[in-house]
């Protein structure tokens, strides 16, 4: 569990990758609420 209180960017992500050994894990990220849309529809 770790929180990095800085503006998101490649430099911060690179720091996260080094400090948390990110590539030892399967990595995922989560979209924000305004970055996608969800629709419930009938399956074709």
ModelCIF file with pLDDT and N, C-alpha, C, O atoms, coordinates in Angstrom:
data_MODEL
#
_entry.id   MODEL 
#
_entity.id                         1 
_entity.type                       polymer 
_entity.pdbx_number_of_molecules   1 
#
_entity_poly.entity_id                      1 
_entity_poly.type                           'polypeptide(L)' 
_entity_poly.nstd_linkage                   no 
_entity_poly.nstd_monomer                   no 
_entity_poly.pdbx_seq_one_letter_code       
;(UNK)(UNK)(UNK)(UNK)(UNK)(UNK)(UNK)(UNK)(UNK)(UNK)(UNK)(UNK)(UNK)(UNK)(UNK)(UNK)
(UNK)(UNK)(UNK)(UNK)(UNK)(UNK)(UNK)(UNK)(UNK)(UNK)(UNK)(UNK)(UNK)(UNK)(UNK)(UNK)
(UNK)(UNK)(UNK)(UNK)(UNK)(UNK)(UNK)(UNK)(UNK)(UNK)(UNK)(UNK)
;
_entity_poly.pdbx_seq_one_letter_code_can   XXXXXXXXXXXXXXXXXXXXXXXXXXXXXXXXXXXXXXXXXXXX 
_entity_poly.pdbx_strand_id                 A 
#
loop_
_entity_poly_seq.entity_id 
_entity_poly_seq.num 
_entity_poly_seq.mon_id 
_entity_poly_seq.hetero 
1 1  UNK n 
1 2  UNK n 
1 3  UNK n 
1 4  UNK n 
1 5  UNK n 
1 6  UNK n 
1 7  UNK n 
1 8  UNK n 
1 9  UNK n 
1 10 UNK n 
1 11 UNK n 
1 12 UNK n 
1 13 UNK n 
1 14 UNK n 
1 15 UNK n 
1 16 UNK n 
1 17 UNK n 
1 18 UNK n 
1 19 UNK n 
1 20 UNK n 
1 21 UNK n 
1 22 UNK n 
1 23 UNK n 
1 24 UNK n 
1 25 UNK n 
1 26 UNK n 
1 27 UNK n 
1 28 UNK n 
1 29 UNK n 
1 30 UNK n 
1 31 UNK n 
1 32 UNK n 
1 33 UNK n 
1 34 UNK n 
1 35 UNK n 
1 36 UNK n 
1 37 UNK n 
1 38 UNK n 
1 39 UNK n 
1 40 UNK n 
1 41 UNK n 
1 42 UNK n 
1 43 UNK n 
1 44 UNK n 
#
_struct_asym.id          A 
_struct_asym.entity_id   1 
#
loop_
_ma_qa_metric.id 
_ma_qa_metric.mode 
_ma_qa_metric.name 
_ma_qa_metric.software_group_id 
_ma_qa_metric.type 
1 global pLDDT . pLDDT 
2 local  pLDDT . pLDDT 
#
_ma_qa_metric_global.metric_id      1 
_ma_qa_metric_global.metric_value   90.16 
_ma_qa_metric_global.model_id       1 
_ma_qa_metric_global.ordinal_id     1 
#
loop_
_ma_qa_metric_local.label_asym_id 
_ma_qa_metric_local.label_comp_id 
_ma_qa_metric_local.label_seq_id 
_ma_qa_metric_local.metric_id 
_ma_qa_metric_local.metric_value 
_ma_qa_metric_local.model_id 
_ma_qa_metric_local.ordinal_id 
A UNK 1  2 95.00 1 1  
A UNK 2  2 95.00 1 2  
A UNK 3  2 95.00 1 3  
A UNK 4  2 94.00 1 4  
A UNK 5  2 89.00 1 5  
A UNK 6  2 78.00 1 6  
A UNK 7  2 71.00 1 7  
A UNK 8  2 64.00 1 8  
A UNK 9  2 68.00 1 9  
A UNK 10 2 69.00 1 10 
A UNK 11 2 86.00 1 11 
A UNK 12 2 90.00 1 12 
A UNK 13 2 93.00 1 13 
A UNK 14 2 93.00 1 14 
A UNK 15 2 93.00 1 15 
A UNK 16 2 95.00 1 16 
A UNK 17 2 94.00 1 17 
A UNK 18 2 94.00 1 18 
A UNK 19 2 95.00 1 19 
A UNK 20 2 95.00 1 20 
A UNK 21 2 94.00 1 21 
A UNK 22 2 95.00 1 22 
A UNK 23 2 92.00 1 23 
A UNK 24 2 93.00 1 24 
A UNK 25 2 94.00 1 25 
A UNK 26 2 94.00 1 26 
A UNK 27 2 96.00 1 27 
A UNK 28 2 96.00 1 28 
A UNK 29 2 97.00 1 29 
A UNK 30 2 97.00 1 30 
A UNK 31 2 96.00 1 31 
A UNK 32 2 94.00 1 32 
A UNK 33 2 89.00 1 33 
A UNK 34 2 90.00 1 34 
A UNK 35 2 95.00 1 35 
A UNK 36 2 95.00 1 36 
A UNK 37 2 94.00 1 37 
A UNK 38 2 94.00 1 38 
A UNK 39 2 92.00 1 39 
A UNK 40 2 90.00 1 40 
A UNK 41 2 88.00 1 41 
A UNK 42 2 86.00 1 42 
A UNK 43 2 85.00 1 43 
A UNK 44 2 85.00 1 44 
#
loop_
_atom_site.group_PDB 
_atom_site.id 
_atom_site.type_symbol 
_atom_site.label_atom_id 
_atom_site.label_alt_id 
_atom_site.label_comp_id 
_atom_site.label_asym_id 
_atom_site.label_entity_id 
_atom_site.label_seq_id 
_atom_site.pdbx_PDB_ins_code 
_atom_site.Cartn_x 
_atom_site.Cartn_y 
_atom_site.Cartn_z 
_atom_site.occupancy 
_atom_site.B_iso_or_equiv 
_atom_site.pdbx_formal_charge 
_atom_site.auth_seq_id 
_atom_site.auth_comp_id 
_atom_site.auth_asym_id 
_atom_site.auth_atom_id 
_atom_site.pdbx_PDB_model_num 
ATOM 1   N N  . UNK A 1 1  ? 0.862   -1.180  0.000   1.00 95.00 ? 1  UNK A N  1 
ATOM 2   C CA . UNK A 1 1  ? 0.000   0.000   0.000   1.00 95.00 ? 1  UNK A CA 1 
ATOM 3   C C  . UNK A 1 1  ? 0.896   1.226   0.000   1.00 95.00 ? 1  UNK A C  1 
ATOM 4   O O  . UNK A 1 1  ? 1.736   1.386   0.886   1.00 95.00 ? 1  UNK A O  1 
ATOM 5   N N  . UNK A 1 2  ? 0.721   2.089   -0.987  1.00 95.00 ? 2  UNK A N  1 
ATOM 6   C CA . UNK A 1 2  ? 1.567   3.283   -1.041  1.00 95.00 ? 2  UNK A CA 1 
ATOM 7   C C  . UNK A 1 2  ? 0.840   4.375   -1.816  1.00 95.00 ? 2  UNK A C  1 
ATOM 8   O O  . UNK A 1 2  ? 0.175   4.111   -2.818  1.00 95.00 ? 2  UNK A O  1 
ATOM 9   N N  . UNK A 1 3  ? 0.978   5.598   -1.335  1.00 95.00 ? 3  UNK A N  1 
ATOM 10  C CA . UNK A 1 3  ? 0.399   6.745   -2.030  1.00 95.00 ? 3  UNK A CA 1 
ATOM 11  C C  . UNK A 1 3  ? 1.520   7.713   -2.388  1.00 95.00 ? 3  UNK A C  1 
ATOM 12  O O  . UNK A 1 3  ? 2.319   8.097   -1.534  1.00 95.00 ? 3  UNK A O  1 
ATOM 13  N N  . UNK A 1 4  ? 1.570   8.100   -3.652  1.00 94.00 ? 4  UNK A N  1 
ATOM 14  C CA . UNK A 1 4  ? 2.571   9.040   -4.151  1.00 94.00 ? 4  UNK A CA 1 
ATOM 15  C C  . UNK A 1 4  ? 1.876   10.367  -4.437  1.00 94.00 ? 4  UNK A C  1 
ATOM 16  O O  . UNK A 1 4  ? 1.199   10.497  -5.457  1.00 94.00 ? 4  UNK A O  1 
ATOM 17  N N  . UNK A 1 5  ? 2.030   11.357  -3.553  1.00 89.00 ? 5  UNK A N  1 
ATOM 18  C CA . UNK A 1 5  ? 1.288   12.633  -3.678  1.00 89.00 ? 5  UNK A CA 1 
ATOM 19  C C  . UNK A 1 5  ? 1.959   13.613  -4.633  1.00 89.00 ? 5  UNK A C  1 
ATOM 20  O O  . UNK A 1 5  ? 2.461   14.654  -4.210  1.00 89.00 ? 5  UNK A O  1 
ATOM 21  N N  . UNK A 1 6  ? 1.965   13.285  -5.901  1.00 78.00 ? 6  UNK A N  1 
ATOM 22  C CA . UNK A 1 6  ? 2.550   14.158  -6.908  1.00 78.00 ? 6  UNK A CA 1 
ATOM 23  C C  . UNK A 1 6  ? 1.682   14.115  -8.157  1.00 78.00 ? 6  UNK A C  1 
ATOM 24  O O  . UNK A 1 6  ? 0.808   13.258  -8.290  1.00 78.00 ? 6  UNK A O  1 
ATOM 25  N N  . UNK A 1 7  ? 1.930   15.045  -9.066  1.00 71.00 ? 7  UNK A N  1 
ATOM 26  C CA . UNK A 1 7  ? 1.213   15.046  -10.334 1.00 71.00 ? 7  UNK A CA 1 
ATOM 27  C C  . UNK A 1 7  ? 1.601   13.811  -11.134 1.00 71.00 ? 7  UNK A C  1 
ATOM 28  O O  . UNK A 1 7  ? 2.780   13.475  -11.248 1.00 71.00 ? 7  UNK A O  1 
ATOM 29  N N  . UNK A 1 8  ? 0.589   13.134  -11.690 1.00 64.00 ? 8  UNK A N  1 
ATOM 30  C CA . UNK A 1 8  ? 0.848   11.923  -12.463 1.00 64.00 ? 8  UNK A CA 1 
ATOM 31  C C  . UNK A 1 8  ? 1.629   12.251  -13.722 1.00 64.00 ? 8  UNK A C  1 
ATOM 32  O O  . UNK A 1 8  ? 1.376   13.265  -14.371 1.00 64.00 ? 8  UNK A O  1 
ATOM 33  N N  . UNK A 1 9  ? 2.575   11.396  -14.065 1.00 68.00 ? 9  UNK A N  1 
ATOM 34  C CA . UNK A 1 9  ? 3.376   11.559  -15.263 1.00 68.00 ? 9  UNK A CA 1 
ATOM 35  C C  . UNK A 1 9  ? 4.358   10.417  -15.369 1.00 68.00 ? 9  UNK A C  1 
ATOM 36  O O  . UNK A 1 9  ? 4.486   9.602   -14.455 1.00 68.00 ? 9  UNK A O  1 
ATOM 37  N N  . UNK A 1 10 ? 5.064   10.363  -16.513 1.00 69.00 ? 10 UNK A N  1 
ATOM 38  C CA . UNK A 1 10 ? 5.985   9.258   -16.739 1.00 69.00 ? 10 UNK A CA 1 
ATOM 39  C C  . UNK A 1 10 ? 7.101   9.223   -15.703 1.00 69.00 ? 10 UNK A C  1 
ATOM 40  O O  . UNK A 1 10 ? 7.535   8.142   -15.304 1.00 69.00 ? 10 UNK A O  1 
ATOM 41  N N  . UNK A 1 11 ? 7.578   10.398  -15.256 1.00 86.00 ? 11 UNK A N  1 
ATOM 42  C CA . UNK A 1 11 ? 8.658   10.418  -14.271 1.00 86.00 ? 11 UNK A CA 1 
ATOM 43  C C  . UNK A 1 11 ? 8.215   9.804   -12.952 1.00 86.00 ? 11 UNK A C  1 
ATOM 44  O O  . UNK A 1 11 ? 8.955   9.035   -12.338 1.00 86.00 ? 11 UNK A O  1 
ATOM 45  N N  . UNK A 1 12 ? 6.984   10.152  -12.510 1.00 90.00 ? 12 UNK A N  1 
ATOM 46  C CA . UNK A 1 12 ? 6.473   9.576   -11.275 1.00 90.00 ? 12 UNK A CA 1 
ATOM 47  C C  . UNK A 1 12 ? 6.230   8.081   -11.445 1.00 90.00 ? 12 UNK A C  1 
ATOM 48  O O  . UNK A 1 12 ? 6.536   7.296   -10.548 1.00 90.00 ? 12 UNK A O  1 
ATOM 49  N N  . UNK A 1 13 ? 5.687   7.686   -12.581 1.00 93.00 ? 13 UNK A N  1 
ATOM 50  C CA . UNK A 1 13 ? 5.461   6.269   -12.811 1.00 93.00 ? 13 UNK A CA 1 
ATOM 51  C C  . UNK A 1 13 ? 6.777   5.490   -12.829 1.00 93.00 ? 13 UNK A C  1 
ATOM 52  O O  . UNK A 1 13 ? 6.851   4.367   -12.331 1.00 93.00 ? 13 UNK A O  1 
ATOM 53  N N  . UNK A 1 14 ? 7.792   6.087   -13.397 1.00 93.00 ? 14 UNK A N  1 
ATOM 54  C CA . UNK A 1 14 ? 9.096   5.420   -13.414 1.00 93.00 ? 14 UNK A CA 1 
ATOM 55  C C  . UNK A 1 14 ? 9.612   5.237   -11.990 1.00 93.00 ? 14 UNK A C  1 
ATOM 56  O O  . UNK A 1 14 ? 10.182  4.196   -11.663 1.00 93.00 ? 14 UNK A O  1 
ATOM 57  N N  . UNK A 1 15 ? 9.413   6.245   -11.147 1.00 93.00 ? 15 UNK A N  1 
ATOM 58  C CA . UNK A 1 15 ? 9.795   6.149   -9.735  1.00 93.00 ? 15 UNK A CA 1 
ATOM 59  C C  . UNK A 1 15 ? 9.005   5.036   -9.045  1.00 93.00 ? 15 UNK A C  1 
ATOM 60  O O  . UNK A 1 15 ? 9.571   4.252   -8.284  1.00 93.00 ? 15 UNK A O  1 
ATOM 61  N N  . UNK A 1 16 ? 7.706   4.967   -9.309  1.00 95.00 ? 16 UNK A N  1 
ATOM 62  C CA . UNK A 1 16 ? 6.878   3.908   -8.733  1.00 95.00 ? 16 UNK A CA 1 
ATOM 63  C C  . UNK A 1 16 ? 7.380   2.536   -9.173  1.00 95.00 ? 16 UNK A C  1 
ATOM 64  O O  . UNK A 1 16 ? 7.484   1.606   -8.372  1.00 95.00 ? 16 UNK A O  1 
ATOM 65  N N  . UNK A 1 17 ? 7.686   2.434   -10.451 1.00 94.00 ? 17 UNK A N  1 
ATOM 66  C CA . UNK A 1 17 ? 8.176   1.161   -10.973 1.00 94.00 ? 17 UNK A CA 1 
ATOM 67  C C  . UNK A 1 17 ? 9.431   0.692   -10.263 1.00 94.00 ? 17 UNK A C  1 
ATOM 68  O O  . UNK A 1 17 ? 9.576   -0.491  -9.955  1.00 94.00 ? 17 UNK A O  1 
ATOM 69  N N  . UNK A 1 18 ? 10.343  1.628   -10.004 1.00 94.00 ? 18 UNK A N  1 
ATOM 70  C CA . UNK A 1 18 ? 11.592  1.271   -9.321  1.00 94.00 ? 18 UNK A CA 1 
ATOM 71  C C  . UNK A 1 18 ? 11.342  0.927   -7.860  1.00 94.00 ? 18 UNK A C  1 
ATOM 72  O O  . UNK A 1 18 ? 11.793  -0.112  -7.378  1.00 94.00 ? 18 UNK A O  1 
ATOM 73  N N  . UNK A 1 19 ? 10.613  1.807   -7.142  1.00 95.00 ? 19 UNK A N  1 
ATOM 74  C CA . UNK A 1 19 ? 10.462  1.640   -5.704  1.00 95.00 ? 19 UNK A CA 1 
ATOM 75  C C  . UNK A 1 19 ? 9.599   0.432   -5.333  1.00 95.00 ? 19 UNK A C  1 
ATOM 76  O O  . UNK A 1 19 ? 9.846   -0.223  -4.320  1.00 95.00 ? 19 UNK A O  1 
ATOM 77  N N  . UNK A 1 20 ? 8.601   0.144   -6.144  1.00 95.00 ? 20 UNK A N  1 
ATOM 78  C CA . UNK A 1 20 ? 7.687   -0.954  -5.816  1.00 95.00 ? 20 UNK A CA 1 
ATOM 79  C C  . UNK A 1 20 ? 7.992   -2.229  -6.596  1.00 95.00 ? 20 UNK A C  1 
ATOM 80  O O  . UNK A 1 20 ? 7.289   -3.230  -6.455  1.00 95.00 ? 20 UNK A O  1 
ATOM 81  N N  . UNK A 1 21 ? 9.051   -2.195  -7.426  1.00 94.00 ? 21 UNK A N  1 
ATOM 82  C CA . UNK A 1 21 ? 9.394   -3.349  -8.261  1.00 94.00 ? 21 UNK A CA 1 
ATOM 83  C C  . UNK A 1 21 ? 8.161   -3.797  -9.044  1.00 94.00 ? 21 UNK A C  1 
ATOM 84  O O  . UNK A 1 21 ? 7.770   -4.964  -9.023  1.00 94.00 ? 21 UNK A O  1 
ATOM 85  N N  . UNK A 1 22 ? 7.572   -2.833  -9.727  1.00 95.00 ? 22 UNK A N  1 
ATOM 86  C CA . UNK A 1 22 ? 6.277   -3.042  -10.368 1.00 95.00 ? 22 UNK A CA 1 
ATOM 87  C C  . UNK A 1 22 ? 6.270   -4.207  -11.345 1.00 95.00 ? 22 UNK A C  1 
ATOM 88  O O  . UNK A 1 22 ? 5.263   -4.905  -11.457 1.00 95.00 ? 22 UNK A O  1 
ATOM 89  N N  . UNK A 1 23 ? 7.350   -4.429  -12.039 1.00 92.00 ? 23 UNK A N  1 
ATOM 90  C CA . UNK A 1 23 ? 7.348   -5.476  -13.044 1.00 92.00 ? 23 UNK A CA 1 
ATOM 91  C C  . UNK A 1 23 ? 7.503   -6.870  -12.464 1.00 92.00 ? 23 UNK A C  1 
ATOM 92  O O  . UNK A 1 23 ? 7.578   -7.846  -13.210 1.00 92.00 ? 23 UNK A O  1 
ATOM 93  N N  . UNK A 1 24 ? 7.553   -6.978  -11.121 1.00 93.00 ? 24 UNK A N  1 
ATOM 94  C CA . UNK A 1 24 ? 7.445   -8.284  -10.472 1.00 93.00 ? 24 UNK A CA 1 
ATOM 95  C C  . UNK A 1 24 ? 5.985   -8.712  -10.358 1.00 93.00 ? 24 UNK A C  1 
ATOM 96  O O  . UNK A 1 24 ? 5.693   -9.854  -10.003 1.00 93.00 ? 24 UNK A O  1 
ATOM 97  N N  . UNK A 1 25 ? 5.068   -7.788  -10.660 1.00 94.00 ? 25 UNK A N  1 
ATOM 98  C CA . UNK A 1 25 ? 3.638   -8.038  -10.543 1.00 94.00 ? 25 UNK A CA 1 
ATOM 99  C C  . UNK A 1 25 ? 2.977   -7.998  -11.916 1.00 94.00 ? 25 UNK A C  1 
ATOM 100 O O  . UNK A 1 25 ? 3.578   -7.557  -12.896 1.00 94.00 ? 25 UNK A O  1 
ATOM 101 N N  . UNK A 1 26 ? 1.751   -8.456  -11.973 1.00 94.00 ? 26 UNK A N  1 
ATOM 102 C CA . UNK A 1 26 ? 0.875   -8.111  -13.077 1.00 94.00 ? 26 UNK A CA 1 
ATOM 103 C C  . UNK A 1 26 ? 0.285   -6.750  -12.730 1.00 94.00 ? 26 UNK A C  1 
ATOM 104 O O  . UNK A 1 26 ? -0.341  -6.599  -11.681 1.00 94.00 ? 26 UNK A O  1 
ATOM 105 N N  . UNK A 1 27 ? 0.471   -5.776  -13.581 1.00 96.00 ? 27 UNK A N  1 
ATOM 106 C CA . UNK A 1 27 ? 0.068   -4.405  -13.269 1.00 96.00 ? 27 UNK A CA 1 
ATOM 107 C C  . UNK A 1 27 ? -1.227  -4.033  -13.977 1.00 96.00 ? 27 UNK A C  1 
ATOM 108 O O  . UNK A 1 27 ? -1.458  -4.398  -15.130 1.00 96.00 ? 27 UNK A O  1 
ATOM 109 N N  . UNK A 1 28 ? -2.059  -3.300  -13.257 1.00 96.00 ? 28 UNK A N  1 
ATOM 110 C CA . UNK A 1 28 ? -3.282  -2.782  -13.852 1.00 96.00 ? 28 UNK A CA 1 
ATOM 111 C C  . UNK A 1 28 ? -3.498  -1.354  -13.394 1.00 96.00 ? 28 UNK A C  1 
ATOM 112 O O  . UNK A 1 28 ? -2.961  -0.919  -12.375 1.00 96.00 ? 28 UNK A O  1 
ATOM 113 N N  . UNK A 1 29 ? -4.277  -0.650  -14.150 1.00 97.00 ? 29 UNK A N  1 
ATOM 114 C CA . UNK A 1 29 ? -4.669  0.702   -13.782 1.00 97.00 ? 29 UNK A CA 1 
ATOM 115 C C  . UNK A 1 29 ? -6.186  0.810   -13.920 1.00 97.00 ? 29 UNK A C  1 
ATOM 116 O O  . UNK A 1 29 ? -6.820  -0.051  -14.530 1.00 97.00 ? 29 UNK A O  1 
ATOM 117 N N  . UNK A 1 30 ? -6.763  1.862   -13.355 1.00 97.00 ? 30 UNK A N  1 
ATOM 118 C CA . UNK A 1 30 ? -8.215  2.039   -13.324 1.00 97.00 ? 30 UNK A CA 1 
ATOM 119 C C  . UNK A 1 30 ? -8.567  3.379   -13.954 1.00 97.00 ? 30 UNK A C  1 
ATOM 120 O O  . UNK A 1 30 ? -7.975  4.403   -13.614 1.00 97.00 ? 30 UNK A O  1 
ATOM 121 N N  . UNK A 1 31 ? -9.523  3.374   -14.864 1.00 96.00 ? 31 UNK A N  1 
ATOM 122 C CA . UNK A 1 31 ? -9.966  4.617   -15.479 1.00 96.00 ? 31 UNK A CA 1 
ATOM 123 C C  . UNK A 1 31 ? -10.771 5.448   -14.486 1.00 96.00 ? 31 UNK A C  1 
ATOM 124 O O  . UNK A 1 31 ? -11.399 4.905   -13.577 1.00 96.00 ? 31 UNK A O  1 
ATOM 125 N N  . UNK A 1 32 ? -10.748 6.763   -14.665 1.00 94.00 ? 32 UNK A N  1 
ATOM 126 C CA . UNK A 1 32 ? -11.578 7.648   -13.863 1.00 94.00 ? 32 UNK A CA 1 
ATOM 127 C C  . UNK A 1 32 ? -12.995 7.687   -14.409 1.00 94.00 ? 32 UNK A C  1 
ATOM 128 O O  . UNK A 1 32 ? -13.248 7.278   -15.542 1.00 94.00 ? 32 UNK A O  1 
ATOM 129 N N  . UNK A 1 33 ? -13.924 8.189   -13.583 1.00 89.00 ? 33 UNK A N  1 
ATOM 130 C CA . UNK A 1 33 ? -15.329 8.188   -13.943 1.00 89.00 ? 33 UNK A CA 1 
ATOM 131 C C  . UNK A 1 33 ? -15.658 8.922   -15.231 1.00 89.00 ? 33 UNK A C  1 
ATOM 132 O O  . UNK A 1 33 ? -16.615 8.556   -15.914 1.00 89.00 ? 33 UNK A O  1 
ATOM 133 N N  . UNK A 1 34 ? -14.898 9.941   -15.581 1.00 90.00 ? 34 UNK A N  1 
ATOM 134 C CA . UNK A 1 34 ? -15.175 10.704  -16.787 1.00 90.00 ? 34 UNK A CA 1 
ATOM 135 C C  . UNK A 1 34 ? -14.429 10.220  -18.014 1.00 90.00 ? 34 UNK A C  1 
ATOM 136 O O  . UNK A 1 34 ? -14.484 10.858  -19.066 1.00 90.00 ? 34 UNK A O  1 
ATOM 137 N N  . UNK A 1 35 ? -13.726 9.088   -17.892 1.00 95.00 ? 35 UNK A N  1 
ATOM 138 C CA . UNK A 1 35 ? -12.885 8.622   -18.997 1.00 95.00 ? 35 UNK A CA 1 
ATOM 139 C C  . UNK A 1 35 ? -13.507 7.481   -19.789 1.00 95.00 ? 35 UNK A C  1 
ATOM 140 O O  . UNK A 1 35 ? -12.881 6.967   -20.716 1.00 95.00 ? 35 UNK A O  1 
ATOM 141 N N  . UNK A 1 36 ? -14.708 7.081   -19.451 1.00 95.00 ? 36 UNK A N  1 
ATOM 142 C CA . UNK A 1 36 ? -15.365 5.977   -20.148 1.00 95.00 ? 36 UNK A CA 1 
ATOM 143 C C  . UNK A 1 36 ? -16.869 6.093   -19.923 1.00 95.00 ? 36 UNK A C  1 
ATOM 144 O O  . UNK A 1 36 ? -17.323 6.884   -19.096 1.00 95.00 ? 36 UNK A O  1 
ATOM 145 N N  . UNK A 1 37 ? -17.632 5.303   -20.659 1.00 94.00 ? 37 UNK A N  1 
ATOM 146 C CA . UNK A 1 37 ? -19.077 5.231   -20.481 1.00 94.00 ? 37 UNK A CA 1 
ATOM 147 C C  . UNK A 1 37 ? -19.492 3.772   -20.418 1.00 94.00 ? 37 UNK A C  1 
ATOM 148 O O  . UNK A 1 37 ? -18.895 2.921   -21.076 1.00 94.00 ? 37 UNK A O  1 
ATOM 149 N N  . UNK A 1 38 ? -20.527 3.482   -19.616 1.00 94.00 ? 38 UNK A N  1 
ATOM 150 C CA . UNK A 1 38 ? -21.057 2.130   -19.492 1.00 94.00 ? 38 UNK A CA 1 
ATOM 151 C C  . UNK A 1 38 ? -22.516 2.137   -19.919 1.00 94.00 ? 38 UNK A C  1 
ATOM 152 O O  . UNK A 1 38 ? -23.295 2.984   -19.481 1.00 94.00 ? 38 UNK A O  1 
ATOM 153 N N  . UNK A 1 39 ? -22.885 1.182   -20.782 1.00 92.00 ? 39 UNK A N  1 
ATOM 154 C CA . UNK A 1 39 ? -24.259 1.055   -21.250 1.00 92.00 ? 39 UNK A CA 1 
ATOM 155 C C  . UNK A 1 39 ? -24.744 -0.373  -20.988 1.00 92.00 ? 39 UNK A C  1 
ATOM 156 O O  . UNK A 1 39 ? -24.033 -1.334  -21.279 1.00 92.00 ? 39 UNK A O  1 
ATOM 157 N N  . UNK A 1 40 ? -25.939 -0.510  -20.445 1.00 90.00 ? 40 UNK A N  1 
ATOM 158 C CA . UNK A 1 40 ? -26.577 -1.818  -20.318 1.00 90.00 ? 40 UNK A CA 1 
ATOM 159 C C  . UNK A 1 40 ? -27.439 -2.034  -21.548 1.00 90.00 ? 40 UNK A C  1 
ATOM 160 O O  . UNK A 1 40 ? -28.376 -1.274  -21.790 1.00 90.00 ? 40 UNK A O  1 
ATOM 161 N N  . UNK A 1 41 ? -27.134 -3.062  -22.326 1.00 88.00 ? 41 UNK A N  1 
ATOM 162 C CA . UNK A 1 41 ? -27.850 -3.317  -23.576 1.00 88.00 ? 41 UNK A CA 1 
ATOM 163 C C  . UNK A 1 41 ? -28.174 -4.800  -23.675 1.00 88.00 ? 41 UNK A C  1 
ATOM 164 O O  . UNK A 1 41 ? -27.557 -5.624  -23.000 1.00 88.00 ? 41 UNK A O  1 
ATOM 165 N N  . UNK A 1 42 ? -29.151 -5.138  -24.525 1.00 86.00 ? 42 UNK A N  1 
ATOM 166 C CA . UNK A 1 42 ? -29.433 -6.535  -24.815 1.00 86.00 ? 42 UNK A CA 1 
ATOM 167 C C  . UNK A 1 42 ? -28.288 -7.115  -25.637 1.00 86.00 ? 42 UNK A C  1 
ATOM 168 O O  . UNK A 1 42 ? -27.740 -6.456  -26.521 1.00 86.00 ? 42 UNK A O  1 
ATOM 169 N N  . UNK A 1 43 ? -27.942 -8.345  -25.329 1.00 85.00 ? 43 UNK A N  1 
ATOM 170 C CA . UNK A 1 43 ? -26.873 -8.996  -26.089 1.00 85.00 ? 43 UNK A CA 1 
ATOM 171 C C  . UNK A 1 43 ? -27.365 -9.315  -27.500 1.00 85.00 ? 43 UNK A C  1 
ATOM 172 O O  . UNK A 1 43 ? -28.415 -9.938  -27.651 1.00 85.00 ? 43 UNK A O  1 
ATOM 173 N N  . UNK A 1 44 ? -26.638 -8.906  -28.527 1.00 85.00 ? 44 UNK A N  1 
ATOM 174 C CA . UNK A 1 44 ? -27.055 -9.219  -29.896 1.00 85.00 ? 44 UNK A CA 1 
ATOM 175 C C  . UNK A 1 44 ? -27.060 -10.735 -30.127 1.00 85.00 ? 44 UNK A C  1 
ATOM 176 O O  . UNK A 1 44 ? -27.385 -11.192 -31.223 1.00 85.00 ? 44 UNK A O  1 
#
